[in-house]
Amino acid sequence: MFIIANAGPFALYRWEALFKDWRLFADAFLYTILLAIGSLIVAMLLGIFFGSLSTMHNKLLNLISRIYVEFFQNTPLLIQFIVVYYGFPLISPMLTFSTTTIAIICVGLYHGAYISEVVRSGIGAVPKGQFEAAYSQGFSYGKTMRYVVLPQAWRIMLPPLTNQIVNLIKNTSTVAIISGADVMFTANSWSSINLNYIPAFAVAGFLYFILCFPLANFARKLEENNKKAYTR
């Protein structure tokens, strides 16, 4: 116990040094939440838009949706950050954005592609008769989606959508590559300055855990409820 308390990566003095700077990690935690919320708004808007396009009986719109989804699903998020942060300003100074803006745009675009697939699957699970009934009542495609289809698809989409939110929160950590002041960047910079790695990254992991675990647990419960509802 004496050795653990006074030496090694788990020594008490290392943790004491970290907790003296707890405000740094608290600010980083709030910044991470801000990034997650902003990115989620962008991702949801894009996901619903492109997910809806993919279900329309129009080859051009289907193709546009497919190109967006395939591009962002099949290129690393890290590369997207680097291209926007370092590459865009070379094209034009007007394409220089703040770290926060880049993070929200990149994470939002990336997860919008995945949410688009969730939306497409959810809409596809709604019986075609619902569309036909809405059209017979004179509803346009937009009103059919808004008032008839999406409310029914929402229950189906919610579990995988919640899982995507968990992944989105974890992927905000990639903003560290462009020096965004999130939890991961703060843990890395603080540990490098203080040569105190284990406590910093342990706390970072814990902060991500307390954000993600409740959502992951919520998604599991939703899946269980859906299984019970459809097996009755």
C-alpha atoms as a PDB file:
ATOM      1  CA  MET A   1       0.000   0.000   0.000  1.00  0.00           C
ATOM      2  CA  PHE A   2       2.884   2.353   0.817  1.00  0.00           C
ATOM      3  CA  ILE A   3       4.415   1.703  -2.606  1.00  0.00           C
ATOM      4  CA  ILE A   4       1.115   2.335  -4.375  1.00  0.00           C
ATOM      5  CA  ALA A   5       0.568   5.543  -2.421  1.00  0.00           C
ATOM      6  CA  ASN A   6       4.022   6.981  -3.113  1.00  0.00           C
ATOM      7  CA  ALA A   7       5.276   5.547  -6.391  1.00  0.00           C
ATOM      8  CA  GLY A   8       4.105   4.333  -9.766  1.00  0.00           C
ATOM      9  CA  PRO A   9       1.397   5.615 -12.110  1.00  0.00           C
ATOM     10  CA  PHE A  10      -1.281   5.328  -9.407  1.00  0.00           C
ATOM     11  CA  ALA A  11       0.633   7.229  -6.741  1.00  0.00           C
ATOM     12  CA  LEU A  12      -1.547   9.525  -4.660  1.00  0.00           C
ATOM     13  CA  TYR A  13       0.526  12.621  -5.393  1.00  0.00           C
ATOM     14  CA  ARG A  14      -0.253  12.200  -9.093  1.00  0.00           C
ATOM     15  CA  TRP A  15      -3.986  12.284  -8.415  1.00  0.00           C
ATOM     16  CA  GLU A  16      -3.602  15.220  -6.049  1.00  0.00           C
ATOM     17  CA  ALA A  17      -1.821  17.164  -8.790  1.00  0.00           C
ATOM     18  CA  LEU A  18      -4.623  16.411 -11.208  1.00  0.00           C
ATOM     19  CA  PHE A  19      -7.447  17.411  -8.869  1.00  0.00           C
ATOM     20  CA  LYS A  20      -5.732  20.744  -8.208  1.00  0.00           C
ATOM     21  CA  ASP A  21      -6.436  21.511 -11.867  1.00  0.00           C
ATOM     22  CA  TRP A  22      -9.972  20.131 -11.846  1.00  0.00           C
ATOM     23  CA  ARG A  23     -11.341  23.329 -13.398  1.00  0.00           C
ATOM     24  CA  LEU A  24      -9.451  22.587 -16.621  1.00  0.00           C
ATOM     25  CA  PHE A  25     -11.189  19.243 -16.927  1.00  0.00           C
ATOM     26  CA  ALA A  26     -14.554  20.715 -15.906  1.00  0.00           C
ATOM     27  CA  ASP A  27     -14.291  23.344 -18.655  1.00  0.00           C
ATOM     28  CA  ALA A  28     -13.211  20.668 -21.137  1.00  0.00           C
ATOM     29  CA  PHE A  29     -16.183  18.528 -20.120  1.00  0.00           C
ATOM     30  CA  LEU A  30     -18.615  21.389 -20.740  1.00  0.00           C
ATOM     31  CA  TYR A  31     -16.921  22.136 -24.067  1.00  0.00           C
ATOM     32  CA  THR A  32     -17.298  18.478 -25.079  1.00  0.00           C
ATOM     33  CA  ILE A  33     -21.013  18.628 -24.257  1.00  0.00           C
ATOM     34  CA  LEU A  34     -21.303  21.812 -26.351  1.00  0.00           C
ATOM     35  CA  LEU A  35     -19.603  20.110 -29.296  1.00  0.00           C
ATOM     36  CA  ALA A  36     -21.821  17.058 -28.946  1.00  0.00           C
ATOM     37  CA  ILE A  37     -25.027  19.123 -28.902  1.00  0.00           C
ATOM     38  CA  GLY A  38     -23.986  21.268 -31.872  1.00  0.00           C
ATOM     39  CA  SER A  39     -22.825  18.250 -33.872  1.00  0.00           C
ATOM     40  CA  LEU A  40     -25.997  16.336 -33.043  1.00  0.00           C
ATOM     41  CA  ILE A  41     -28.196  19.161 -34.336  1.00  0.00           C
ATOM     42  CA  VAL A  42     -26.267  19.220 -37.634  1.00  0.00           C
ATOM     43  CA  ALA A  43     -26.266  15.416 -37.875  1.00  0.00           C
ATOM     44  CA  MET A  44     -30.000  15.140 -37.187  1.00  0.00           C
ATOM     45  CA  LEU A  45     -30.900  17.754 -39.798  1.00  0.00           C
ATOM     46  CA  LEU A  46     -28.681  16.117 -42.414  1.00  0.00           C
ATOM     47  CA  GLY A  47     -29.729  12.607 -41.423  1.00  0.00           C
ATOM     48  CA  ILE A  48     -33.446  13.321 -41.711  1.00  0.00           C
ATOM     49  CA  PHE A  49     -32.955  15.216 -44.981  1.00  0.00           C
ATOM     50  CA  PHE A  50     -30.785  12.639 -46.760  1.00  0.00           C
ATOM     51  CA  GLY A  51     -32.623   9.717 -45.182  1.00  0.00           C
ATOM     52  CA  SER A  52     -35.862  11.078 -46.606  1.00  0.00           C
ATOM     53  CA  LEU A  53     -34.243  11.638 -50.020  1.00  0.00           C
ATOM     54  CA  SER A  54     -33.149   8.008 -50.143  1.00  0.00           C
ATOM     55  CA  THR A  55     -36.754   6.823 -49.805  1.00  0.00           C
ATOM     56  CA  MET A  56     -38.148   8.997 -52.595  1.00  0.00           C
ATOM     57  CA  HIS A  57     -38.958   7.500 -55.997  1.00  0.00           C
ATOM     58  CA  ASN A  58     -36.414   9.662 -57.762  1.00  0.00           C
ATOM     59  CA  LYS A  59     -33.138   8.181 -58.999  1.00  0.00           C
ATOM     60  CA  LEU A  60     -31.283  11.502 -58.967  1.00  0.00           C
ATOM     61  CA  LEU A  61     -32.234  12.257 -55.352  1.00  0.00           C
ATOM     62  CA  ASN A  62     -31.423   8.674 -54.359  1.00  0.00           C
ATOM     63  CA  LEU A  63     -28.013   9.052 -56.011  1.00  0.00           C
ATOM     64  CA  ILE A  64     -27.288  12.336 -54.209  1.00  0.00           C
ATOM     65  CA  SER A  65     -28.168  10.735 -50.881  1.00  0.00           C
ATOM     66  CA  ARG A  66     -26.058   7.664 -51.677  1.00  0.00           C
ATOM     67  CA  ILE A  67     -22.999   9.734 -52.621  1.00  0.00           C
ATOM     68  CA  TYR A  68     -23.205  11.681 -49.353  1.00  0.00           C
ATOM     69  CA  VAL A  69     -23.624   8.547 -47.232  1.00  0.00           C
ATOM     70  CA  GLU A  70     -20.909   6.513 -48.964  1.00  0.00           C
ATOM     71  CA  PHE A  71     -18.376   9.343 -48.927  1.00  0.00           C
ATOM     72  CA  PHE A  72     -18.645  10.132 -45.232  1.00  0.00           C
ATOM     73  CA  GLN A  73     -19.054   6.537 -44.082  1.00  0.00           C
ATOM     74  CA  ASN A  74     -15.990   5.396 -46.004  1.00  0.00           C
ATOM     75  CA  THR A  75     -13.504   8.138 -45.160  1.00  0.00           C
ATOM     76  CA  PRO A  76     -11.953   8.550 -41.690  1.00  0.00           C
ATOM     77  CA  LEU A  77     -13.275  11.415 -39.602  1.00  0.00           C
ATOM     78  CA  LEU A  78      -9.702  12.353 -38.728  1.00  0.00           C
ATOM     79  CA  ILE A  79      -8.876  12.993 -42.391  1.00  0.00           C
ATOM     80  CA  GLN A  80     -11.992  15.129 -42.758  1.00  0.00           C
ATOM     81  CA  PHE A  81     -10.801  17.272 -39.845  1.00  0.00           C
ATOM     82  CA  ILE A  82      -7.355  17.703 -41.377  1.00  0.00           C
ATOM     83  CA  VAL A  83      -8.731  18.589 -44.818  1.00  0.00           C
ATOM     84  CA  VAL A  84     -11.131  21.221 -43.457  1.00  0.00           C
ATOM     85  CA  TYR A  85      -8.682  22.683 -40.914  1.00  0.00           C
ATOM     86  CA  TYR A  86      -5.515  22.730 -43.025  1.00  0.00           C
ATOM     87  CA  GLY A  87      -6.752  22.381 -46.606  1.00  0.00           C
ATOM     88  CA  PHE A  88      -9.688  24.760 -46.866  1.00  0.00           C
ATOM     89  CA  PRO A  89      -7.708  27.904 -45.848  1.00  0.00           C
ATOM     90  CA  LEU A  90      -5.292  27.131 -48.711  1.00  0.00           C
ATOM     91  CA  ILE A  91      -8.209  27.375 -51.147  1.00  0.00           C
ATOM     92  CA  SER A  92      -9.436  30.694 -49.735  1.00  0.00           C
ATOM     93  CA  PRO A  93      -8.895  32.643 -46.494  1.00  0.00           C
ATOM     94  CA  MET A  94     -12.687  32.915 -46.305  1.00  0.00           C
ATOM     95  CA  LEU A  95     -12.766  29.166 -45.651  1.00  0.00           C
ATOM     96  CA  THR A  96     -10.900  29.566 -42.370  1.00  0.00           C
ATOM     97  CA  PHE A  97     -13.152  28.573 -39.479  1.00  0.00           C
ATOM     98  CA  SER A  98     -12.801  28.368 -35.718  1.00  0.00           C
ATOM     99  CA  THR A  99     -11.922  25.060 -34.098  1.00  0.00           C
ATOM    100  CA  THR A 100     -15.395  24.771 -32.604  1.00  0.00           C
ATOM    101  CA  THR A 101     -17.106  25.417 -35.938  1.00  0.00           C
ATOM    102  CA  ILE A 102     -14.923  22.861 -37.711  1.00  0.00           C
ATOM    103  CA  ALA A 103     -15.609  20.274 -35.024  1.00  0.00           C
ATOM    104  CA  ILE A 104     -19.376  20.752 -35.211  1.00  0.00           C
ATOM    105  CA  ILE A 105     -19.381  20.682 -39.023  1.00  0.00           C
ATOM    106  CA  CYS A 106     -17.095  17.650 -39.393  1.00  0.00           C
ATOM    107  CA  VAL A 107     -18.658  15.505 -36.673  1.00  0.00           C
ATOM    108  CA  GLY A 108     -22.128  16.582 -37.806  1.00  0.00           C
ATOM    109  CA  LEU A 109     -21.462  15.686 -41.454  1.00  0.00           C
ATOM    110  CA  TYR A 110     -19.877  12.380 -40.502  1.00  0.00           C
ATOM    111  CA  HIS A 111     -22.663  11.201 -38.224  1.00  0.00           C
ATOM    112  CA  GLY A 112     -25.335  12.678 -40.451  1.00  0.00           C
ATOM    113  CA  ALA A 113     -24.432   9.924 -42.923  1.00  0.00           C
ATOM    114  CA  TYR A 114     -25.000   7.228 -40.303  1.00  0.00           C
ATOM    115  CA  ILE A 115     -28.198   8.814 -39.023  1.00  0.00           C
ATOM    116  CA  SER A 116     -29.387   9.005 -42.630  1.00  0.00           C
ATOM    117  CA  GLU A 117     -29.191   5.208 -42.793  1.00  0.00           C
ATOM    118  CA  VAL A 118     -31.079   4.935 -39.511  1.00  0.00           C
ATOM    119  CA  VAL A 119     -33.813   7.201 -40.895  1.00  0.00           C
ATOM    120  CA  ARG A 120     -33.938   5.275 -44.178  1.00  0.00           C
ATOM    121  CA  SER A 121     -34.316   1.962 -42.336  1.00  0.00           C
ATOM    122  CA  GLY A 122     -36.962   3.400 -40.019  1.00  0.00           C
ATOM    123  CA  ILE A 123     -39.013   4.789 -42.898  1.00  0.00           C
ATOM    124  CA  GLY A 124     -38.615   1.516 -44.785  1.00  0.00           C
ATOM    125  CA  ALA A 125     -40.084  -0.359 -41.819  1.00  0.00           C
ATOM    126  CA  VAL A 126     -43.359   1.591 -42.007  1.00  0.00           C
ATOM    127  CA  PRO A 127     -45.942  -0.374 -44.047  1.00  0.00           C
ATOM    128  CA  LYS A 128     -46.489   0.964 -47.571  1.00  0.00           C
ATOM    129  CA  GLY A 129     -50.189   1.092 -46.854  1.00  0.00           C
ATOM    130  CA  GLN A 130     -49.544   4.072 -44.593  1.00  0.00           C
ATOM    131  CA  PHE A 131     -48.119   6.015 -47.535  1.00  0.00           C
ATOM    132  CA  GLU A 132     -51.010   5.019 -49.775  1.00  0.00           C
ATOM    133  CA  ALA A 133     -53.576   5.997 -47.153  1.00  0.00           C
ATOM    134  CA  ALA A 134     -51.951   9.421 -46.712  1.00  0.00           C
ATOM    135  CA  TYR A 135     -51.768  10.032 -50.470  1.00  0.00           C
ATOM    136  CA  SER A 136     -55.421   9.038 -50.835  1.00  0.00           C
ATOM    137  CA  GLN A 137     -56.274  11.794 -48.356  1.00  0.00           C
ATOM    138  CA  GLY A 138     -54.490  14.350 -50.529  1.00  0.00           C
ATOM    139  CA  PHE A 139     -51.300  14.603 -48.451  1.00  0.00           C
ATOM    140  CA  SER A 140     -48.138  15.682 -50.255  1.00  0.00           C
ATOM    141  CA  TYR A 141     -44.932  13.672 -49.791  1.00  0.00           C
ATOM    142  CA  GLY A 142     -43.664  16.186 -47.246  1.00  0.00           C
ATOM    143  CA  LYS A 143     -46.846  16.134 -45.187  1.00  0.00           C
ATOM    144  CA  THR A 144     -47.011  12.344 -45.428  1.00  0.00           C
ATOM    145  CA  MET A 145     -43.519  12.101 -43.976  1.00  0.00           C
ATOM    146  CA  ARG A 146     -44.147  14.721 -41.318  1.00  0.00           C
ATOM    147  CA  TYR A 147     -47.561  13.690 -40.044  1.00  0.00           C
ATOM    148  CA  VAL A 148     -47.865   9.985 -40.871  1.00  0.00           C
ATOM    149  CA  VAL A 149     -44.578   8.179 -41.500  1.00  0.00           C
ATOM    150  CA  LEU A 150     -41.956   9.777 -39.251  1.00  0.00           C
ATOM    151  CA  PRO A 151     -44.087   9.603 -36.070  1.00  0.00           C
ATOM    152  CA  GLN A 152     -44.411   5.837 -36.628  1.00  0.00           C
ATOM    153  CA  ALA A 153     -40.797   5.369 -37.713  1.00  0.00           C
ATOM    154  CA  TRP A 154     -39.537   7.299 -34.686  1.00  0.00           C
ATOM    155  CA  ARG A 155     -40.085   4.390 -32.311  1.00  0.00           C
ATOM    156  CA  ILE A 156     -38.153   2.067 -34.612  1.00  0.00           C
ATOM    157  CA  MET A 157     -35.359   4.579 -35.155  1.00  0.00           C
ATOM    158  CA  LEU A 158     -34.835   5.612 -31.541  1.00  0.00           C
ATOM    159  CA  PRO A 159     -32.623   2.707 -30.312  1.00  0.00           C
ATOM    160  CA  PRO A 160     -30.099   2.852 -33.208  1.00  0.00           C
ATOM    161  CA  LEU A 161     -30.303   6.643 -33.149  1.00  0.00           C
ATOM    162  CA  THR A 162     -29.350   6.652 -29.461  1.00  0.00           C
ATOM    163  CA  ASN A 163     -26.390   4.407 -30.265  1.00  0.00           C
ATOM    164  CA  GLN A 164     -25.321   6.893 -32.916  1.00  0.00           C
ATOM    165  CA  ILE A 165     -25.467   9.681 -30.334  1.00  0.00           C
ATOM    166  CA  VAL A 166     -23.127   7.649 -28.115  1.00  0.00           C
ATOM    167  CA  ASN A 167     -20.703   7.235 -31.022  1.00  0.00           C
ATOM    168  CA  LEU A 168     -20.996  10.935 -31.822  1.00  0.00           C
ATOM    169  CA  ILE A 169     -20.039  11.911 -28.272  1.00  0.00           C
ATOM    170  CA  LYS A 170     -16.975   9.664 -28.386  1.00  0.00           C
ATOM    171  CA  ASN A 171     -15.973  10.966 -31.807  1.00  0.00           C
ATOM    172  CA  THR A 172     -15.893  14.555 -30.577  1.00  0.00           C
ATOM    173  CA  SER A 173     -12.515  13.504 -29.147  1.00  0.00           C
ATOM    174  CA  THR A 174     -11.061  13.801 -32.662  1.00  0.00           C
ATOM    175  CA  VAL A 175     -11.183  17.588 -32.281  1.00  0.00           C
ATOM    176  CA  ALA A 176      -8.013  17.148 -30.215  1.00  0.00           C
ATOM    177  CA  ILE A 177      -6.097  16.793 -33.500  1.00  0.00           C
ATOM    178  CA  ILE A 178      -6.776  20.479 -34.248  1.00  0.00           C
ATOM    179  CA  SER A 179      -6.252  21.599 -30.636  1.00  0.00           C
ATOM    180  CA  GLY A 180      -9.894  21.855 -29.643  1.00  0.00           C
ATOM    181  CA  ALA A 181     -10.155  22.299 -25.882  1.00  0.00           C
ATOM    182  CA  ASP A 182     -12.217  19.154 -25.313  1.00  0.00           C
ATOM    183  CA  VAL A 183     -11.678  16.431 -22.717  1.00  0.00           C
ATOM    184  CA  MET A 184      -9.194  14.449 -24.821  1.00  0.00           C
ATOM    185  CA  PHE A 185      -7.066  17.452 -25.779  1.00  0.00           C
ATOM    186  CA  THR A 186      -7.038  18.688 -22.181  1.00  0.00           C
ATOM    187  CA  ALA A 187      -6.011  15.266 -20.874  1.00  0.00           C
ATOM    188  CA  ASN A 188      -3.248  14.989 -23.463  1.00  0.00           C
ATOM    189  CA  SER A 189      -1.850  18.500 -22.995  1.00  0.00           C
ATOM    190  CA  TRP A 190      -2.088  18.428 -19.187  1.00  0.00           C
ATOM    191  CA  SER A 191      -0.445  15.006 -18.956  1.00  0.00           C
ATOM    192  CA  SER A 192       2.368  16.057 -21.318  1.00  0.00           C
ATOM    193  CA  ILE A 193       3.126  19.172 -19.292  1.00  0.00           C
ATOM    194  CA  ASN A 194       2.978  17.373 -15.941  1.00  0.00           C
ATOM    195  CA  LEU A 195       4.304  13.976 -17.116  1.00  0.00           C
ATOM    196  CA  ASN A 196       1.266  12.504 -15.408  1.00  0.00           C
ATOM    197  CA  TYR A 197      -0.536  10.320 -17.933  1.00  0.00           C
ATOM    198  CA  ILE A 198      -2.548   7.622 -16.159  1.00  0.00           C
ATOM    199  CA  PRO A 199      -4.675   9.910 -13.926  1.00  0.00           C
ATOM    200  CA  ALA A 200      -5.363  12.360 -16.775  1.00  0.00           C
ATOM    201  CA  PHE A 201      -6.580   9.746 -19.233  1.00  0.00           C
ATOM    202  CA  ALA A 202      -8.392   7.788 -16.515  1.00  0.00           C
ATOM    203  CA  VAL A 203     -10.407  10.910 -15.682  1.00  0.00           C
ATOM    204  CA  ALA A 204     -10.968  11.581 -19.395  1.00  0.00           C
ATOM    205  CA  GLY A 205     -12.285   8.051 -19.840  1.00  0.00           C
ATOM    206  CA  PHE A 206     -14.556   8.444 -16.827  1.00  0.00           C
ATOM    207  CA  LEU A 207     -15.998  11.709 -18.160  1.00  0.00           C
ATOM    208  CA  TYR A 208     -16.824  10.092 -21.491  1.00  0.00           C
ATOM    209  CA  PHE A 209     -18.291   7.117 -19.626  1.00  0.00           C
ATOM    210  CA  ILE A 210     -20.712   9.202 -17.572  1.00  0.00           C
ATOM    211  CA  LEU A 211     -21.926  10.836 -20.791  1.00  0.00           C
ATOM    212  CA  CYS A 212     -22.226   7.658 -22.845  1.00  0.00           C
ATOM    213  CA  PHE A 213     -23.279   4.934 -20.409  1.00  0.00           C
ATOM    214  CA  PRO A 214     -26.748   6.335 -19.564  1.00  0.00           C
ATOM    215  CA  LEU A 215     -27.488   6.733 -23.284  1.00  0.00           C
ATOM    216  CA  ALA A 216     -26.237   3.232 -24.114  1.00  0.00           C
ATOM    217  CA  ASN A 217     -28.333   1.804 -21.295  1.00  0.00           C
ATOM    218  CA  PHE A 218     -31.344   3.781 -22.523  1.00  0.00           C
ATOM    219  CA  ALA A 219     -30.853   2.360 -26.040  1.00  0.00           C
ATOM    220  CA  ARG A 220     -30.780  -1.208 -24.691  1.00  0.00           C
ATOM    221  CA  LYS A 221     -34.023  -0.662 -22.795  1.00  0.00           C
ATOM    222  CA  LEU A 222     -35.675   0.787 -25.894  1.00  0.00           C
ATOM    223  CA  GLU A 223     -34.615  -2.250 -27.925  1.00  0.00           C
ATOM    224  CA  GLU A 224     -36.025  -4.577 -25.278  1.00  0.00           C
ATOM    225  CA  ASN A 225     -39.307  -2.652 -25.208  1.00  0.00           C
ATOM    226  CA  ASN A 226     -39.542  -2.767 -28.995  1.00  0.00           C
ATOM    227  CA  LYS A 227     -38.942  -6.521 -29.017  1.00  0.00           C
ATOM    228  CA  LYS A 228     -41.702  -7.013 -26.449  1.00  0.00           C
ATOM    229  CA  ALA A 229     -44.076  -4.774 -28.401  1.00  0.00           C
ATOM    230  CA  TYR A 230     -43.545  -6.615 -31.690  1.00  0.00           C
ATOM    231  CA  THR A 231     -43.640 -10.135 -30.215  1.00  0.00           C
ATOM    232  CA  ARG A 232     -47.051  -9.739 -28.598  1.00  0.00           C
END
